[in-house]
């Protein structure tokens, strides 16, 4: 699936994902600092991925440049977890994150799910606009959390 809007497009084609670009961003992010390229590849292979690209002008024979990414870990039946959402700094402020969320939530494989979850430190406003809310009854939820797991590799 590929959707275009102006000079940008979003695709779910894993073969178009720029692994080096994604790894470079995630390895310096607050949520995946130090992640290895191998783990990024495994995470992409096990997820429904969305790449955001700036389209090259038709007159140029260059490849479209990836400027953003997100992935859904899902069974495409009952549950999904949104992870690794980002737009690189010099393409922010153009509504790409909001559009990315619209495309993700409209994906046919993500319709009718009982629950979609995510965790964020600083993007609550974006996710509230997309329909996410704080957890009801957070005391019911449990986790195994290893925040330094990538730093040990």
Foldseek 3Di string as FASTA:
>chain_A
DWDDDPQKIKDQPLVLDDLVVLCVVQCPDQQRPLADSVVSVVVSVQWRKIWMWGHDPPVDPDDTHTFWMKTWRDPLAAEIEIDSGDGDDVPPPPCPSLVVLVVVCPDNSNPPYNDYYYDDDPPVVSVVVSPDDPDDPCVVDDDDDDRCPSVVD
